[in-house]
Amino acid sequence: MTPVDDYDGTDHAVLERIADVVFALDHAWRFTYLNGAAERMLQRSRTDLLGCDIWEEFPEAVAV
């Protein structure tokens, strides 16, 4: 089970309306949730990123 599985429809709708970037990672640094603002900032769709390791997808962020 991932954290996003715990959200009900109301929580999910609230997170989608937030203008700020919101994403969630599990204990292994894998994406479990991204809102629309996160998709736009990262220039990747949530379909492409869900379940993927953040450090493998964005290795340039390791040095930050």
C-alpha atoms as a PDB file:
ATOM      1  CA  MET A   1       0.000   0.000   0.000  1.00  0.00           C
ATOM      2  CA  THR A   2       1.230   3.490  -0.819  1.00  0.00           C
ATOM      3  CA  PRO A   3       0.308   6.703   0.999  1.00  0.00           C
ATOM      4  CA  VAL A   4      -1.813   7.848  -1.928  1.00  0.00           C
ATOM      5  CA  ASP A   5      -3.992   4.753  -1.411  1.00  0.00           C
ATOM      6  CA  ASP A   6      -4.986   6.184   1.965  1.00  0.00           C
ATOM      7  CA  TYR A   7      -6.448   9.367   0.460  1.00  0.00           C
ATOM      8  CA  ASP A   8     -10.160   9.506  -0.111  1.00  0.00           C
ATOM      9  CA  GLY A   9     -11.598  11.430  -3.045  1.00  0.00           C
ATOM     10  CA  THR A  10     -11.893  14.617  -1.013  1.00  0.00           C
ATOM     11  CA  ASP A  11      -8.231  14.628   0.001  1.00  0.00           C
ATOM     12  CA  HIS A  12      -7.138  13.960  -3.562  1.00  0.00           C
ATOM     13  CA  ALA A  13      -9.310  16.797  -4.901  1.00  0.00           C
ATOM     14  CA  VAL A  14      -7.871  19.208  -2.311  1.00  0.00           C
ATOM     15  CA  LEU A  15      -4.289  18.277  -3.229  1.00  0.00           C
ATOM     16  CA  GLU A  16      -5.067  18.806  -6.927  1.00  0.00           C
ATOM     17  CA  ARG A  17      -6.384  22.337  -6.261  1.00  0.00           C
ATOM     18  CA  ILE A  18      -3.222  23.416  -4.443  1.00  0.00           C
ATOM     19  CA  ALA A  19      -1.240  25.754  -6.687  1.00  0.00           C
ATOM     20  CA  ASP A  20       2.048  24.729  -5.029  1.00  0.00           C
ATOM     21  CA  VAL A  21       4.002  21.660  -6.044  1.00  0.00           C
ATOM     22  CA  VAL A  22       3.009  18.635  -3.962  1.00  0.00           C
ATOM     23  CA  PHE A  23       4.499  15.184  -4.283  1.00  0.00           C
ATOM     24  CA  ALA A  24       4.916  12.241  -1.962  1.00  0.00           C
ATOM     25  CA  LEU A  25       7.666   9.649  -1.775  1.00  0.00           C
ATOM     26  CA  ASP A  26       7.709   6.273  -0.066  1.00  0.00           C
ATOM     27  CA  HIS A  27      10.502   4.892   2.138  1.00  0.00           C
ATOM     28  CA  ALA A  28      12.479   3.865  -0.970  1.00  0.00           C
ATOM     29  CA  TRP A  29      12.303   7.380  -2.497  1.00  0.00           C
ATOM     30  CA  ARG A  30       9.693   6.328  -5.084  1.00  0.00           C
ATOM     31  CA  PHE A  31       6.974   8.730  -6.176  1.00  0.00           C
ATOM     32  CA  THR A  32       3.585   7.796  -4.752  1.00  0.00           C
ATOM     33  CA  TYR A  33       1.717  11.011  -5.580  1.00  0.00           C
ATOM     34  CA  LEU A  34       2.163  14.121  -7.720  1.00  0.00           C
ATOM     35  CA  ASN A  35      -0.304  16.944  -8.194  1.00  0.00           C
ATOM     36  CA  GLY A  36      -0.728  18.867 -11.439  1.00  0.00           C
ATOM     37  CA  ALA A  37       1.665  21.611 -10.336  1.00  0.00           C
ATOM     38  CA  ALA A  38       4.369  18.994  -9.734  1.00  0.00           C
ATOM     39  CA  GLU A  39       3.821  17.552 -13.204  1.00  0.00           C
ATOM     40  CA  ARG A  40       4.245  20.994 -14.744  1.00  0.00           C
ATOM     41  CA  MET A  41       7.341  21.906 -12.710  1.00  0.00           C
ATOM     42  CA  LEU A  42       9.041  18.551 -13.310  1.00  0.00           C
ATOM     43  CA  GLN A  43       7.888  18.518 -16.945  1.00  0.00           C
ATOM     44  CA  ARG A  44       6.882  14.877 -16.584  1.00  0.00           C
ATOM     45  CA  SER A  45       3.509  13.213 -16.210  1.00  0.00           C
ATOM     46  CA  ARG A  46       2.512  11.430 -13.032  1.00  0.00           C
ATOM     47  CA  THR A  47       1.980   8.316 -15.146  1.00  0.00           C
ATOM     48  CA  ASP A  48       5.688   8.418 -16.041  1.00  0.00           C
ATOM     49  CA  LEU A  49       6.866   9.052 -12.481  1.00  0.00           C
ATOM     50  CA  LEU A  50       4.607   7.062 -10.145  1.00  0.00           C
ATOM     51  CA  GLY A  51       6.609   4.180  -8.699  1.00  0.00           C
ATOM     52  CA  CYS A  52       9.924   5.591  -9.965  1.00  0.00           C
ATOM     53  CA  ASP A  53      12.900   6.470  -7.770  1.00  0.00           C
ATOM     54  CA  ILE A  54      13.318  10.250  -7.572  1.00  0.00           C
ATOM     55  CA  TRP A  55      17.133   9.989  -7.691  1.00  0.00           C
ATOM     56  CA  GLU A  56      17.107   7.814 -10.814  1.00  0.00           C
ATOM     57  CA  GLU A  57      14.659  10.116 -12.579  1.00  0.00           C
ATOM     58  CA  PHE A  58      16.379  13.346 -11.495  1.00  0.00           C
ATOM     59  CA  PRO A  59      20.053  12.511 -10.832  1.00  0.00           C
ATOM     60  CA  GLU A  60      20.990  16.190 -11.154  1.00  0.00           C
ATOM     61  CA  ALA A  61      19.096  16.812  -7.894  1.00  0.00           C
ATOM     62  CA  VAL A  62      21.542  14.656  -5.909  1.00  0.00           C
ATOM     63  CA  ALA A  63      24.181  17.395  -6.015  1.00  0.00           C
ATOM     64  CA  VAL A  64      21.766  20.089  -4.808  1.00  0.00           C
END
